[in-house]
């Protein structure tokens, strides 16, 4: 029974989908929320004005975890979003914008062999960046981004919008590959929100 859909409005964006429920009865709203939680589970990250970065911070804070960031294509946007949340200094230790390959090598430990063989925009590079920042800043979680935000720089093998995002946590490293659509800023935003949401979901499942 999805009769409640008649009372719902769906507002998609590049960040996700906002669902607005209109009803004058609190008991009906509570029933709808229970059904939504049952169907969508961890895909729901917040209610009212709670943002994804707030939800991510809440997961870290509740588990007493720290995070650091190594960014290339997102250019510091990931760190900016995380630190837009009041109290983020309790879990965000710091980050590096490793735009040039020299910074990736000298500070994050990305190997020259990986860069020569696979390039800066690659799964191995994102992996080493995430692990490198986690170790450098001695945090529980390390996040990384590397990609082609455009509008120039794309090739048939590596088109504009191709992004690799790394997640390092207690010896485990996962890399997400996406090809985003949109302008430069939209690609950067999708990158930052995607890796934050992956980390949020992972930690919810594991801890």
Foldseek 3Di string as FASTA:
>chain_A
DVPQVVQWDWDDDLLGIDIDGDDPDPVVVVVVVVVCCVVCPLVDQDDDPQDLLNSLLVLCVVVQFAEEEEEALLQCVLVVSNVVDPPSVSHYQYYYHCNDVVCLCPQQPQDPVCCVVPNCADQSSQQSNQVSRCVNRVTQKGKYKDAALDPDDADPVGGHQWMWMWIDGDHDIDIDTDRDDDHSNSSSVSRSSVRSSVSSVVSVVPD
